[in-house]
Protein backbone atom coordinates (compact mmCIF):
# COMPACT_ATOMS: atom_id res chain seq x y z
CA MET A 1 0.00 0.00 0.00
CA ARG A 2 2.80 2.42 0.90
CA THR A 3 4.53 1.75 -2.44
CA ILE A 4 1.32 2.47 -4.35
CA LEU A 5 0.71 5.63 -2.33
CA MET A 6 4.25 6.90 -2.95
CA LEU A 7 3.92 6.09 -6.67
CA LEU A 8 0.68 8.08 -6.86
CA VAL A 9 2.24 11.01 -5.00
CA SER A 10 5.26 10.92 -7.32
CA VAL A 11 3.15 10.82 -10.49
CA PHE A 12 0.88 13.61 -9.22
CA SER A 13 3.86 15.71 -8.18
CA LEU A 14 5.61 15.15 -11.49
CA THR A 15 2.46 16.23 -13.31
CA ILE A 16 2.14 19.40 -11.24
CA PHE A 17 5.84 20.22 -11.34
CA GLY A 18 5.96 19.68 -15.11
CA CYS A 19 3.04 22.00 -15.92
CA ASP A 20 4.65 25.37 -15.24
CA GLY A 21 6.44 26.73 -18.30
CA ASN A 22 7.83 29.62 -16.25
CA ALA A 23 9.53 27.40 -13.68
CA VAL A 24 13.30 27.76 -13.71
CA PHE A 25 13.68 25.26 -10.87
CA ASN A 26 11.49 22.56 -9.39
CA GLU A 27 12.59 19.73 -7.18
CA LYS A 28 11.02 17.64 -4.46
CA VAL A 29 12.21 15.51 -1.58
CA ASP A 30 10.23 12.40 -0.73
CA SER A 31 12.78 10.47 1.30
CA PHE A 32 11.25 11.00 4.74
CA GLU A 33 11.86 7.81 6.71
CA ASN A 34 8.59 6.65 8.31
CA ASN A 35 7.01 9.84 6.88
CA ARG A 36 8.83 11.91 9.50
CA TRP A 37 10.68 15.12 8.75
CA GLN A 38 13.36 15.21 11.42
CA LYS A 39 13.93 18.63 12.97
CA ASP A 40 17.70 18.36 12.42
CA LYS A 41 17.32 17.59 8.68
CA SER A 42 17.05 20.73 6.57
CA LEU A 43 16.07 20.55 2.92
CA ASP A 44 18.75 22.16 0.76
CA PHE A 45 18.21 23.27 -2.82
CA SER A 46 20.68 24.82 -5.30
CA VAL A 47 19.07 27.20 -7.77
CA ASP A 48 20.82 28.77 -10.75
CA ILE A 49 19.21 31.93 -12.09
CA GLU A 50 20.29 32.69 -15.66
CA LYS A 51 18.43 35.96 -16.36
CA THR A 52 17.77 39.11 -14.37
CA GLY A 53 14.09 39.14 -13.50
CA VAL A 54 11.37 38.80 -10.91
CA TYR A 55 10.93 35.32 -9.43
CA SER A 56 8.45 33.67 -7.09
CA PHE A 57 9.30 30.93 -4.60
CA ASP A 58 6.67 28.28 -3.81
CA ILE A 59 6.76 25.23 -1.60
CA PHE A 60 4.99 21.97 -2.39
CA PHE A 61 3.83 20.16 0.74
CA SER A 62 2.31 16.66 0.66
CA HIS A 63 0.99 15.04 3.83
CA ILE A 64 -1.30 12.30 5.11
CA TYR A 65 -5.01 13.21 5.02
CA ASP A 66 -6.60 14.61 8.21
CA TYR A 67 -3.35 16.12 9.38
CA GLN A 68 -3.22 16.61 13.14
CA PHE A 69 -1.84 20.17 12.93
CA ALA A 70 -3.49 23.23 11.39
CA LYS A 71 -0.18 25.00 10.71
CA VAL A 72 3.40 24.00 9.99
CA PRO A 73 6.16 26.46 10.95
CA LEU A 74 9.22 26.61 8.71
CA ILE A 75 12.32 28.75 8.39
CA LEU A 76 13.45 29.72 4.91
CA GLU A 77 17.02 30.77 4.26
CA LEU A 78 17.95 32.27 0.90
CA LYS A 79 21.67 32.63 0.24
CA TYR A 80 22.53 35.08 -2.55
CA PRO A 81 25.50 34.71 -4.91
CA ASP A 82 27.40 37.36 -2.90
CA GLY A 83 27.02 35.30 0.30
CA HIS A 84 24.31 37.48 1.87
CA ILE A 85 21.68 35.34 3.67
CA GLU A 86 18.02 36.30 4.12
CA LYS A 87 16.09 34.40 6.77
CA ASP A 88 12.31 34.33 7.00
CA ASN A 89 9.74 32.54 9.15
CA VAL A 90 7.06 30.86 7.05
CA THR A 91 3.85 29.22 8.24
CA ILE A 92 2.07 26.76 5.99
CA GLU A 93 -1.68 26.76 6.64
CA ILE A 94 -2.72 23.11 6.49
CA LYS A 95 -6.30 23.77 7.65
CA ASP A 96 -8.48 26.85 7.45
CA SER A 97 -10.29 28.43 10.41
CA ASP A 98 -13.12 25.90 10.04
CA GLY A 99 -10.70 22.95 10.23
CA LYS A 100 -11.01 22.13 6.52
CA GLU A 101 -7.92 20.94 4.63
CA THR A 102 -6.51 23.74 2.43
CA GLY A 103 -4.77 21.34 0.07
CA ASP A 104 -6.03 19.19 -2.76
CA CYS A 105 -6.86 15.87 -1.07
CA SER A 106 -7.30 12.54 -2.81
CA GLY A 107 -7.62 9.33 -0.86
CA ASP A 108 -5.12 9.25 1.99
CA TYR A 109 -2.97 12.20 0.97
CA CYS A 110 -3.19 15.95 0.46
CA ASP A 111 -1.02 18.24 -1.65
CA LEU A 112 -0.77 21.99 -1.41
CA TRP A 113 1.28 24.88 -2.74
CA HIS A 114 2.31 27.77 -0.54
CA VAL A 115 4.06 30.98 -1.58
CA ILE A 116 7.14 31.16 0.63
CA GLN A 117 8.62 34.35 -0.77
CA PRO A 118 6.81 37.24 -2.39
CA PRO A 119 8.10 37.77 -5.93
CA LYS A 120 11.51 39.41 -5.86
CA ALA A 121 14.02 40.77 -8.33
CA LEU A 122 17.05 38.52 -8.70
CA GLN A 123 20.29 38.86 -10.62
CA PRO A 124 21.88 35.94 -12.48
CA GLY A 125 23.89 33.62 -10.28
CA HIS A 126 23.86 30.65 -7.93
CA TYR A 127 21.40 30.77 -5.03
CA GLU A 128 21.01 28.31 -2.18
CA VAL A 129 17.67 27.76 -0.49
CA LYS A 130 17.39 25.98 2.83
CA ILE A 131 14.01 24.99 4.28
CA VAL A 132 14.14 24.15 7.97
CA ASN A 133 11.44 22.34 9.94
CA ASP A 134 10.69 24.67 12.88
CA PHE A 135 8.12 22.38 14.48
CA GLY A 136 8.29 22.21 18.29
CA ALA A 137 9.12 18.48 18.51
CA SER A 138 11.97 16.30 17.28
CA TYR A 139 10.14 15.53 14.02
CA LEU A 140 7.13 16.58 11.97
CA PRO A 141 4.96 13.48 11.37
CA ASN A 142 2.98 12.26 8.34
CA ILE A 143 5.02 14.04 5.66
CA LEU A 144 5.09 12.50 2.19
CA SER A 145 6.94 15.08 0.12
CA VAL A 146 8.24 18.65 0.21
CA GLY A 147 9.36 20.54 -2.87
CA LEU A 148 10.56 23.93 -4.05
CA LYS A 149 9.54 25.69 -7.25
CA VAL A 150 11.10 28.94 -8.47
CA SER A 151 9.24 30.62 -11.32
CA ALA A 152 9.97 33.64 -13.49
CA LYS A 153 7.18 36.20 -13.34
CA LYS A 154 6.08 37.85 -16.58
């Protein structure tokens, strides 16, 4: 069952990630042992920007249906080519104020996109993005996949 679920999540994610013609980067991590995102395991992404422009940063978050938490706290670190680091606290809203899932749920899993950076002007170069689990326990449970998409705005 787990293999089938992971296959469905992968196919769905690939479909979603492949549909954005403006994406200059999209990658996901689905190697969470026992569906647990350990607090000490950051997700690190290397993004190469080729053209000066305005870019948006979005996170893909896939979790088990009927998630026990309404919000997931994260820390986003963006390292610029010159070494400057911007740090930002991000909260992913898993459920709305009525307790309804905010993601697209199918069967036992839910997927959602969350803007983690407002669009910003970037110069060409190599950027590093680190997403840190800022949950108050040693791990965040019931995580299937987390991804980052960077898209050029027109």
